[in-house]
Protein backbone atom coordinates (compact mmCIF):
# COMPACT_ATOMS: atom_id res chain seq x y z
CA UNK A 1 0.00 0.00 0.00
CA UNK A 2 1.56 3.29 -1.01
CA UNK A 3 1.51 6.35 1.22
CA UNK A 4 -1.22 8.10 -0.75
CA UNK A 5 -3.54 5.09 -0.43
CA UNK A 6 -2.76 4.71 3.27
CA UNK A 7 -3.51 8.39 3.80
CA UNK A 8 -6.84 8.06 1.99
CA UNK A 9 -7.72 4.86 3.88
CA UNK A 10 -6.93 6.25 7.32
CA UNK A 11 -7.25 10.03 7.15
CA UNK A 12 -3.75 10.48 8.57
CA UNK A 13 -1.41 13.24 7.41
CA UNK A 14 0.85 12.86 4.38
CA UNK A 15 4.05 12.79 6.47
CA UNK A 16 2.61 10.17 8.82
CA UNK A 17 1.42 8.10 5.84
CA UNK A 18 4.93 8.31 4.38
CA UNK A 19 6.35 6.99 7.68
CA UNK A 20 3.89 4.11 7.95
CA UNK A 21 3.28 2.93 4.38
CA UNK A 22 6.34 0.68 4.10
CA UNK A 23 6.08 -0.95 7.57
CA UNK A 24 2.34 -1.61 7.18
CA UNK A 25 2.74 -2.93 3.64
CA UNK A 26 5.56 -5.23 4.73
CA UNK A 27 3.56 -6.52 7.71
CA UNK A 28 0.49 -7.17 5.58
CA UNK A 29 2.60 -9.12 3.08
CA UNK A 30 4.42 -11.10 5.80
CA UNK A 31 1.22 -12.07 7.60
CA UNK A 32 -1.08 -12.66 4.60
CA UNK A 33 -3.38 -9.63 4.87
CA UNK A 34 -3.92 -9.47 1.13
CA UNK A 35 -7.46 -8.69 0.00
CA UNK A 36 -8.86 -5.16 -0.02
CA UNK A 37 -11.42 -6.17 2.66
CA UNK A 38 -8.68 -7.56 4.90
CA UNK A 39 -6.46 -4.51 4.37
CA UNK A 40 -9.32 -2.07 5.03
CA UNK A 41 -10.12 -3.75 8.33
CA UNK A 42 -6.40 -3.97 9.22
CA UNK A 43 -5.64 -0.29 8.75
CA UNK A 44 -8.94 0.82 10.29
CA UNK A 45 -8.41 -1.18 13.49
CA UNK A 46 -4.80 -0.15 13.97
CA UNK A 47 -5.58 3.48 13.17
CA UNK A 48 -8.17 3.37 15.93
CA UNK A 49 -5.90 1.61 18.45
CA UNK A 50 -3.13 4.19 17.93
CA UNK A 51 -5.13 7.40 17.40
CA UNK A 52 -4.14 7.52 13.74
CA UNK A 53 -0.72 5.84 14.11
CA UNK A 54 0.34 8.53 16.58
CA UNK A 55 0.50 6.58 19.86
CA UNK A 56 2.64 3.47 19.91
CA UNK A 57 2.60 3.28 23.69
CA UNK A 58 -0.38 3.41 25.99
CA UNK A 59 -0.75 6.76 27.73
CA UNK A 60 0.06 5.83 31.31
CA UNK A 61 -1.60 7.53 34.29
CA UNK A 62 -1.90 5.03 35.75
CA UNK A 63 -5.67 5.04 35.68
CA UNK A 64 -7.83 2.48 37.50
CA UNK A 65 -7.84 0.04 34.57
CA UNK A 66 -4.06 0.27 34.21
CA UNK A 67 -3.52 -0.36 37.94
CA UNK A 68 -5.45 -3.60 37.45
CA UNK A 69 -2.83 -4.85 34.96
CA UNK A 70 -0.52 -5.54 37.90
CA UNK A 71 -0.66 -9.15 39.04
CA UNK A 72 -3.13 -10.25 36.34
CA UNK A 73 -2.40 -13.89 35.65
CA UNK A 74 -4.53 -13.82 32.48
CA UNK A 75 -2.04 -11.29 31.05
CA UNK A 76 0.94 -13.24 32.41
CA UNK A 77 1.80 -10.34 34.70
CA UNK A 78 3.31 -12.42 37.49
CA UNK A 79 6.25 -10.28 38.58
CA UNK A 80 6.14 -6.95 40.42
CA UNK A 81 6.09 -4.08 37.92
CA UNK A 82 4.80 -6.19 35.01
CA UNK A 83 1.65 -4.07 34.71
CA UNK A 84 3.52 -0.95 33.68
CA UNK A 85 6.44 -2.75 32.01
CA UNK A 86 4.09 -4.58 29.64
CA UNK A 87 1.63 -1.76 29.00
CA UNK A 88 -0.04 -1.51 25.61
CA UNK A 89 2.50 -0.99 22.83
CA UNK A 90 2.74 -1.28 19.07
CA UNK A 91 -0.15 -0.99 16.66
CA UNK A 92 -2.20 -3.65 18.46
CA UNK A 93 -1.42 -2.07 21.85
CA UNK A 94 -0.09 -5.46 22.94
CA UNK A 95 -0.56 -5.78 26.70
CA UNK A 96 0.86 -8.16 29.29
CA UNK A 97 3.94 -10.32 29.74
CA UNK A 98 2.20 -13.32 28.12
CA UNK A 99 1.46 -11.43 24.91
CA UNK A 100 4.95 -9.93 24.78
CA UNK A 101 6.38 -13.44 25.24
CA UNK A 102 4.27 -14.86 22.41
CA UNK A 103 5.13 -11.95 20.12
CA UNK A 104 8.83 -12.37 20.95
CA UNK A 105 8.77 -15.99 19.84
CA UNK A 106 6.79 -15.24 16.69
CA UNK A 107 8.81 -12.21 15.62
CA UNK A 108 12.27 -13.39 16.70
CA UNK A 109 12.88 -10.32 18.85
CA UNK A 110 13.21 -10.24 22.64
CA UNK A 111 10.32 -7.97 23.55
CA UNK A 112 10.26 -9.22 27.13
CA UNK A 113 13.70 -7.75 27.86
CA UNK A 114 13.14 -4.84 25.47
CA UNK A 115 9.41 -3.98 25.46
CA UNK A 116 10.10 -0.50 24.09
CA UNK A 117 11.09 -2.05 20.75
CA UNK A 118 7.36 -2.27 20.00
CA UNK A 119 7.40 1.52 19.74
CA UNK A 120 9.41 1.35 16.50
CA UNK A 121 7.26 1.44 13.34
CA UNK A 122 8.56 -1.76 11.73
CA UNK A 123 8.14 -3.89 14.86
CA UNK A 124 4.88 -2.15 15.76
CA UNK A 125 3.48 -3.11 12.35
CA UNK A 126 4.92 -6.65 12.46
CA UNK A 127 3.34 -7.15 15.89
CA UNK A 128 0.02 -6.07 14.38
CA UNK A 129 0.43 -8.53 11.52
CA UNK A 130 1.38 -11.36 13.89
CA UNK A 131 -1.57 -10.58 16.19
CA UNK A 132 -3.90 -10.43 13.17
CA UNK A 133 -2.82 -13.80 11.82
CA UNK A 134 -2.57 -15.50 15.24
CA UNK A 135 -6.16 -14.50 15.98
CA UNK A 136 -7.56 -15.47 12.58
CA UNK A 137 -8.82 -11.96 11.85
CA UNK A 138 -8.85 -12.34 8.05
CA UNK A 139 -11.91 -14.59 8.35
CA UNK A 140 -13.84 -11.78 10.08
CA UNK A 141 -12.74 -9.25 7.47
CA UNK A 142 -13.61 -11.62 4.62
CA UNK A 143 -17.20 -11.97 5.81
CA UNK A 144 -17.55 -8.27 6.67
CA UNK A 145 -17.91 -8.98 10.40
CA UNK A 146 -16.19 -5.87 11.64
CA UNK A 147 -17.96 -6.03 15.00
CA UNK A 148 -16.71 -9.57 15.60
CA UNK A 149 -13.24 -8.55 14.47
CA UNK A 150 -13.19 -5.52 16.79
CA UNK A 151 -14.41 -7.59 19.74
CA UNK A 152 -11.71 -10.18 19.04
CA UNK A 153 -9.12 -7.38 19.24
CA UNK A 154 -10.48 -5.34 22.13
CA UNK A 155 -13.17 -7.32 23.92
CA UNK A 156 -16.62 -5.99 24.86
CA UNK A 157 -17.83 -3.27 27.16
CA UNK A 158 -21.00 -3.52 29.26
CA UNK A 159 -23.06 -2.75 26.15
CA UNK A 160 -21.55 -5.69 24.25
CA UNK A 161 -19.46 -3.43 22.01
CA UNK A 162 -15.71 -2.88 21.79
CA UNK A 163 -14.36 0.32 23.29
CA UNK A 164 -14.41 3.13 20.74
CA UNK A 165 -16.96 1.37 18.54
CA UNK A 166 -18.14 4.55 16.80
CA UNK A 167 -14.58 5.56 15.90
CA UNK A 168 -13.78 2.04 14.71
CA UNK A 169 -16.85 2.06 12.42
CA UNK A 170 -15.99 5.51 11.08
CA UNK A 171 -12.44 4.45 10.30
CA UNK A 172 -13.63 1.22 8.67
CA UNK A 173 -16.04 3.13 6.41
CA UNK A 174 -13.21 5.44 5.30
CA UNK A 175 -10.85 2.53 4.65
CA UNK A 176 -13.44 0.52 2.71
CA UNK A 177 -14.27 3.51 0.52
CA UNK A 178 -10.57 4.20 -0.19
CA UNK A 179 -9.84 0.56 -1.01
CA UNK A 180 -13.00 -0.05 -3.04
CA UNK A 181 -14.60 -2.51 -0.62
CA UNK A 182 -18.37 -2.84 -0.81
C-alpha atoms as a PDB file:
ATOM      1  CA  UNK A   1       0.000   0.000   0.000  1.00  0.00           C
ATOM      2  CA  UNK A   2       1.556   3.288  -1.009  1.00  0.00           C
ATOM      3  CA  UNK A   3       1.510   6.349   1.223  1.00  0.00           C
ATOM      4  CA  UNK A   4      -1.225   8.098  -0.752  1.00  0.00           C
ATOM      5  CA  UNK A   5      -3.545   5.088  -0.435  1.00  0.00           C
ATOM      6  CA  UNK A   6      -2.759   4.714   3.269  1.00  0.00           C
ATOM      7  CA  UNK A   7      -3.509   8.386   3.801  1.00  0.00           C
ATOM      8  CA  UNK A   8      -6.842   8.061   1.989  1.00  0.00           C
ATOM      9  CA  UNK A   9      -7.718   4.863   3.878  1.00  0.00           C
ATOM     10  CA  UNK A  10      -6.927   6.254   7.324  1.00  0.00           C
ATOM     11  CA  UNK A  11      -7.251  10.025   7.150  1.00  0.00           C
ATOM     12  CA  UNK A  12      -3.747  10.483   8.568  1.00  0.00           C
ATOM     13  CA  UNK A  13      -1.411  13.236   7.410  1.00  0.00           C
ATOM     14  CA  UNK A  14       0.848  12.858   4.382  1.00  0.00           C
ATOM     15  CA  UNK A  15       4.051  12.795   6.469  1.00  0.00           C
ATOM     16  CA  UNK A  16       2.611  10.171   8.817  1.00  0.00           C
ATOM     17  CA  UNK A  17       1.416   8.101   5.840  1.00  0.00           C
ATOM     18  CA  UNK A  18       4.933   8.308   4.377  1.00  0.00           C
ATOM     19  CA  UNK A  19       6.353   6.991   7.676  1.00  0.00           C
ATOM     20  CA  UNK A  20       3.885   4.107   7.953  1.00  0.00           C
ATOM     21  CA  UNK A  21       3.275   2.929   4.376  1.00  0.00           C
ATOM     22  CA  UNK A  22       6.338   0.681   4.097  1.00  0.00           C
ATOM     23  CA  UNK A  23       6.076  -0.953   7.567  1.00  0.00           C
ATOM     24  CA  UNK A  24       2.344  -1.606   7.184  1.00  0.00           C
ATOM     25  CA  UNK A  25       2.736  -2.933   3.645  1.00  0.00           C
ATOM     26  CA  UNK A  26       5.561  -5.232   4.731  1.00  0.00           C
ATOM     27  CA  UNK A  27       3.564  -6.522   7.707  1.00  0.00           C
ATOM     28  CA  UNK A  28       0.490  -7.171   5.582  1.00  0.00           C
ATOM     29  CA  UNK A  29       2.600  -9.119   3.082  1.00  0.00           C
ATOM     30  CA  UNK A  30       4.422 -11.098   5.799  1.00  0.00           C
ATOM     31  CA  UNK A  31       1.223 -12.072   7.599  1.00  0.00           C
ATOM     32  CA  UNK A  32      -1.081 -12.656   4.597  1.00  0.00           C
ATOM     33  CA  UNK A  33      -3.376  -9.633   4.869  1.00  0.00           C
ATOM     34  CA  UNK A  34      -3.924  -9.466   1.127  1.00  0.00           C
ATOM     35  CA  UNK A  35      -7.458  -8.687   0.004  1.00  0.00           C
ATOM     36  CA  UNK A  36      -8.855  -5.158  -0.016  1.00  0.00           C
ATOM     37  CA  UNK A  37     -11.416  -6.167   2.662  1.00  0.00           C
ATOM     38  CA  UNK A  38      -8.676  -7.555   4.900  1.00  0.00           C
ATOM     39  CA  UNK A  39      -6.464  -4.511   4.372  1.00  0.00           C
ATOM     40  CA  UNK A  40      -9.322  -2.072   5.028  1.00  0.00           C
ATOM     41  CA  UNK A  41     -10.124  -3.748   8.333  1.00  0.00           C
ATOM     42  CA  UNK A  42      -6.401  -3.974   9.216  1.00  0.00           C
ATOM     43  CA  UNK A  43      -5.636  -0.287   8.750  1.00  0.00           C
ATOM     44  CA  UNK A  44      -8.945   0.819  10.295  1.00  0.00           C
ATOM     45  CA  UNK A  45      -8.406  -1.177  13.485  1.00  0.00           C
ATOM     46  CA  UNK A  46      -4.797  -0.152  13.972  1.00  0.00           C
ATOM     47  CA  UNK A  47      -5.577   3.477  13.174  1.00  0.00           C
ATOM     48  CA  UNK A  48      -8.169   3.365  15.935  1.00  0.00           C
ATOM     49  CA  UNK A  49      -5.903   1.613  18.446  1.00  0.00           C
ATOM     50  CA  UNK A  50      -3.129   4.186  17.933  1.00  0.00           C
ATOM     51  CA  UNK A  51      -5.126   7.395  17.399  1.00  0.00           C
ATOM     52  CA  UNK A  52      -4.142   7.519  13.742  1.00  0.00           C
ATOM     53  CA  UNK A  53      -0.721   5.839  14.111  1.00  0.00           C
ATOM     54  CA  UNK A  54       0.344   8.528  16.583  1.00  0.00           C
ATOM     55  CA  UNK A  55       0.498   6.583  19.865  1.00  0.00           C
ATOM     56  CA  UNK A  56       2.645   3.466  19.906  1.00  0.00           C
ATOM     57  CA  UNK A  57       2.600   3.284  23.690  1.00  0.00           C
ATOM     58  CA  UNK A  58      -0.383   3.410  25.986  1.00  0.00           C
ATOM     59  CA  UNK A  59      -0.754   6.763  27.732  1.00  0.00           C
ATOM     60  CA  UNK A  60       0.058   5.835  31.312  1.00  0.00           C
ATOM     61  CA  UNK A  61      -1.596   7.530  34.289  1.00  0.00           C
ATOM     62  CA  UNK A  62      -1.896   5.029  35.752  1.00  0.00           C
ATOM     63  CA  UNK A  63      -5.672   5.036  35.681  1.00  0.00           C
ATOM     64  CA  UNK A  64      -7.831   2.481  37.504  1.00  0.00           C
ATOM     65  CA  UNK A  65      -7.836   0.044  34.572  1.00  0.00           C
ATOM     66  CA  UNK A  66      -4.058   0.273  34.214  1.00  0.00           C
ATOM     67  CA  UNK A  67      -3.518  -0.356  37.936  1.00  0.00           C
ATOM     68  CA  UNK A  68      -5.455  -3.596  37.450  1.00  0.00           C
ATOM     69  CA  UNK A  69      -2.826  -4.853  34.963  1.00  0.00           C
ATOM     70  CA  UNK A  70      -0.518  -5.541  37.896  1.00  0.00           C
ATOM     71  CA  UNK A  71      -0.664  -9.154  39.035  1.00  0.00           C
ATOM     72  CA  UNK A  72      -3.135 -10.249  36.338  1.00  0.00           C
ATOM     73  CA  UNK A  73      -2.397 -13.890  35.651  1.00  0.00           C
ATOM     74  CA  UNK A  74      -4.532 -13.816  32.476  1.00  0.00           C
ATOM     75  CA  UNK A  75      -2.043 -11.294  31.049  1.00  0.00           C
ATOM     76  CA  UNK A  76       0.936 -13.237  32.407  1.00  0.00           C
ATOM     77  CA  UNK A  77       1.803 -10.341  34.698  1.00  0.00           C
ATOM     78  CA  UNK A  78       3.309 -12.416  37.488  1.00  0.00           C
ATOM     79  CA  UNK A  79       6.248 -10.281  38.582  1.00  0.00           C
ATOM     80  CA  UNK A  80       6.136  -6.950  40.421  1.00  0.00           C
ATOM     81  CA  UNK A  81       6.091  -4.080  37.916  1.00  0.00           C
ATOM     82  CA  UNK A  82       4.801  -6.191  35.006  1.00  0.00           C
ATOM     83  CA  UNK A  83       1.651  -4.074  34.709  1.00  0.00           C
ATOM     84  CA  UNK A  84       3.524  -0.951  33.681  1.00  0.00           C
ATOM     85  CA  UNK A  85       6.440  -2.746  32.012  1.00  0.00           C
ATOM     86  CA  UNK A  86       4.095  -4.583  29.639  1.00  0.00           C
ATOM     87  CA  UNK A  87       1.631  -1.763  29.000  1.00  0.00           C
ATOM     88  CA  UNK A  88      -0.045  -1.507  25.608  1.00  0.00           C
ATOM     89  CA  UNK A  89       2.498  -0.988  22.828  1.00  0.00           C
ATOM     90  CA  UNK A  90       2.742  -1.284  19.067  1.00  0.00           C
ATOM     91  CA  UNK A  91      -0.151  -0.989  16.655  1.00  0.00           C
ATOM     92  CA  UNK A  92      -2.196  -3.646  18.459  1.00  0.00           C
ATOM     93  CA  UNK A  93      -1.422  -2.070  21.845  1.00  0.00           C
ATOM     94  CA  UNK A  94      -0.090  -5.464  22.936  1.00  0.00           C
ATOM     95  CA  UNK A  95      -0.555  -5.777  26.701  1.00  0.00           C
ATOM     96  CA  UNK A  96       0.864  -8.159  29.294  1.00  0.00           C
ATOM     97  CA  UNK A  97       3.942 -10.321  29.740  1.00  0.00           C
ATOM     98  CA  UNK A  98       2.200 -13.321  28.125  1.00  0.00           C
ATOM     99  CA  UNK A  99       1.460 -11.426  24.905  1.00  0.00           C
ATOM    100  CA  UNK A 100       4.952  -9.932  24.784  1.00  0.00           C
ATOM    101  CA  UNK A 101       6.384 -13.441  25.243  1.00  0.00           C
ATOM    102  CA  UNK A 102       4.266 -14.864  22.412  1.00  0.00           C
ATOM    103  CA  UNK A 103       5.129 -11.950  20.117  1.00  0.00           C
ATOM    104  CA  UNK A 104       8.827 -12.369  20.947  1.00  0.00           C
ATOM    105  CA  UNK A 105       8.766 -15.991  19.844  1.00  0.00           C
ATOM    106  CA  UNK A 106       6.790 -15.241  16.688  1.00  0.00           C
ATOM    107  CA  UNK A 107       8.814 -12.207  15.616  1.00  0.00           C
ATOM    108  CA  UNK A 108      12.268 -13.394  16.697  1.00  0.00           C
ATOM    109  CA  UNK A 109      12.878 -10.320  18.852  1.00  0.00           C
ATOM    110  CA  UNK A 110      13.212 -10.242  22.643  1.00  0.00           C
ATOM    111  CA  UNK A 111      10.321  -7.966  23.548  1.00  0.00           C
ATOM    112  CA  UNK A 112      10.261  -9.222  27.135  1.00  0.00           C
ATOM    113  CA  UNK A 113      13.695  -7.755  27.860  1.00  0.00           C
ATOM    114  CA  UNK A 114      13.137  -4.841  25.470  1.00  0.00           C
ATOM    115  CA  UNK A 115       9.414  -3.985  25.460  1.00  0.00           C
ATOM    116  CA  UNK A 116      10.096  -0.498  24.093  1.00  0.00           C
ATOM    117  CA  UNK A 117      11.087  -2.052  20.754  1.00  0.00           C
ATOM    118  CA  UNK A 118       7.362  -2.269  19.996  1.00  0.00           C
ATOM    119  CA  UNK A 119       7.403   1.523  19.742  1.00  0.00           C
ATOM    120  CA  UNK A 120       9.406   1.347  16.499  1.00  0.00           C
ATOM    121  CA  UNK A 121       7.261   1.437  13.337  1.00  0.00           C
ATOM    122  CA  UNK A 122       8.555  -1.760  11.729  1.00  0.00           C
ATOM    123  CA  UNK A 123       8.141  -3.892  14.862  1.00  0.00           C
ATOM    124  CA  UNK A 124       4.879  -2.152  15.761  1.00  0.00           C
ATOM    125  CA  UNK A 125       3.484  -3.106  12.345  1.00  0.00           C
ATOM    126  CA  UNK A 126       4.919  -6.651  12.459  1.00  0.00           C
ATOM    127  CA  UNK A 127       3.336  -7.153  15.888  1.00  0.00           C
ATOM    128  CA  UNK A 128       0.020  -6.069  14.385  1.00  0.00           C
ATOM    129  CA  UNK A 129       0.432  -8.532  11.521  1.00  0.00           C
ATOM    130  CA  UNK A 130       1.376 -11.358  13.894  1.00  0.00           C
ATOM    131  CA  UNK A 131      -1.573 -10.582  16.189  1.00  0.00           C
ATOM    132  CA  UNK A 132      -3.902 -10.433  13.172  1.00  0.00           C
ATOM    133  CA  UNK A 133      -2.819 -13.798  11.819  1.00  0.00           C
ATOM    134  CA  UNK A 134      -2.571 -15.496  15.238  1.00  0.00           C
ATOM    135  CA  UNK A 135      -6.156 -14.497  15.983  1.00  0.00           C
ATOM    136  CA  UNK A 136      -7.558 -15.466  12.577  1.00  0.00           C
ATOM    137  CA  UNK A 137      -8.820 -11.963  11.850  1.00  0.00           C
ATOM    138  CA  UNK A 138      -8.851 -12.345   8.051  1.00  0.00           C
ATOM    139  CA  UNK A 139     -11.907 -14.586   8.352  1.00  0.00           C
ATOM    140  CA  UNK A 140     -13.837 -11.785  10.082  1.00  0.00           C
ATOM    141  CA  UNK A 141     -12.741  -9.247   7.469  1.00  0.00           C
ATOM    142  CA  UNK A 142     -13.612 -11.625   4.619  1.00  0.00           C
ATOM    143  CA  UNK A 143     -17.200 -11.974   5.808  1.00  0.00           C
ATOM    144  CA  UNK A 144     -17.548  -8.270   6.672  1.00  0.00           C
ATOM    145  CA  UNK A 145     -17.912  -8.976  10.404  1.00  0.00           C
ATOM    146  CA  UNK A 146     -16.189  -5.868  11.643  1.00  0.00           C
ATOM    147  CA  UNK A 147     -17.958  -6.025  15.000  1.00  0.00           C
ATOM    148  CA  UNK A 148     -16.710  -9.572  15.604  1.00  0.00           C
ATOM    149  CA  UNK A 149     -13.237  -8.546  14.473  1.00  0.00           C
ATOM    150  CA  UNK A 150     -13.186  -5.519  16.792  1.00  0.00           C
ATOM    151  CA  UNK A 151     -14.410  -7.587  19.737  1.00  0.00           C
ATOM    152  CA  UNK A 152     -11.705 -10.176  19.043  1.00  0.00           C
ATOM    153  CA  UNK A 153      -9.119  -7.383  19.241  1.00  0.00           C
ATOM    154  CA  UNK A 154     -10.476  -5.336  22.127  1.00  0.00           C
ATOM    155  CA  UNK A 155     -13.174  -7.324  23.921  1.00  0.00           C
ATOM    156  CA  UNK A 156     -16.616  -5.994  24.856  1.00  0.00           C
ATOM    157  CA  UNK A 157     -17.826  -3.269  27.164  1.00  0.00           C
ATOM    158  CA  UNK A 158     -21.000  -3.522  29.259  1.00  0.00           C
ATOM    159  CA  UNK A 159     -23.057  -2.749  26.147  1.00  0.00           C
ATOM    160  CA  UNK A 160     -21.550  -5.695  24.254  1.00  0.00           C
ATOM    161  CA  UNK A 161     -19.460  -3.429  22.011  1.00  0.00           C
ATOM    162  CA  UNK A 162     -15.711  -2.885  21.794  1.00  0.00           C
ATOM    163  CA  UNK A 163     -14.355   0.320  23.290  1.00  0.00           C
ATOM    164  CA  UNK A 164     -14.412   3.130  20.741  1.00  0.00           C
ATOM    165  CA  UNK A 165     -16.955   1.368  18.536  1.00  0.00           C
ATOM    166  CA  UNK A 166     -18.142   4.554  16.801  1.00  0.00           C
ATOM    167  CA  UNK A 167     -14.576   5.560  15.895  1.00  0.00           C
ATOM    168  CA  UNK A 168     -13.776   2.036  14.707  1.00  0.00           C
ATOM    169  CA  UNK A 169     -16.849   2.065  12.423  1.00  0.00           C
ATOM    170  CA  UNK A 170     -15.992   5.511  11.078  1.00  0.00           C
ATOM    171  CA  UNK A 171     -12.440   4.446  10.299  1.00  0.00           C
ATOM    172  CA  UNK A 172     -13.628   1.221   8.670  1.00  0.00           C
ATOM    173  CA  UNK A 173     -16.039   3.129   6.407  1.00  0.00           C
ATOM    174  CA  UNK A 174     -13.212   5.443   5.300  1.00  0.00           C
ATOM    175  CA  UNK A 175     -10.847   2.528   4.647  1.00  0.00           C
ATOM    176  CA  UNK A 176     -13.445   0.523   2.715  1.00  0.00           C
ATOM    177  CA  UNK A 177     -14.267   3.514   0.521  1.00  0.00           C
ATOM    178  CA  UNK A 178     -10.573   4.202  -0.188  1.00  0.00           C
ATOM    179  CA  UNK A 179      -9.841   0.555  -1.008  1.00  0.00           C
ATOM    180  CA  UNK A 180     -13.005  -0.048  -3.044  1.00  0.00           C
ATOM    181  CA  UNK A 181     -14.598  -2.511  -0.623  1.00  0.00           C
ATOM    182  CA  UNK A 182     -18.372  -2.843  -0.808  1.00  0.00           C
END
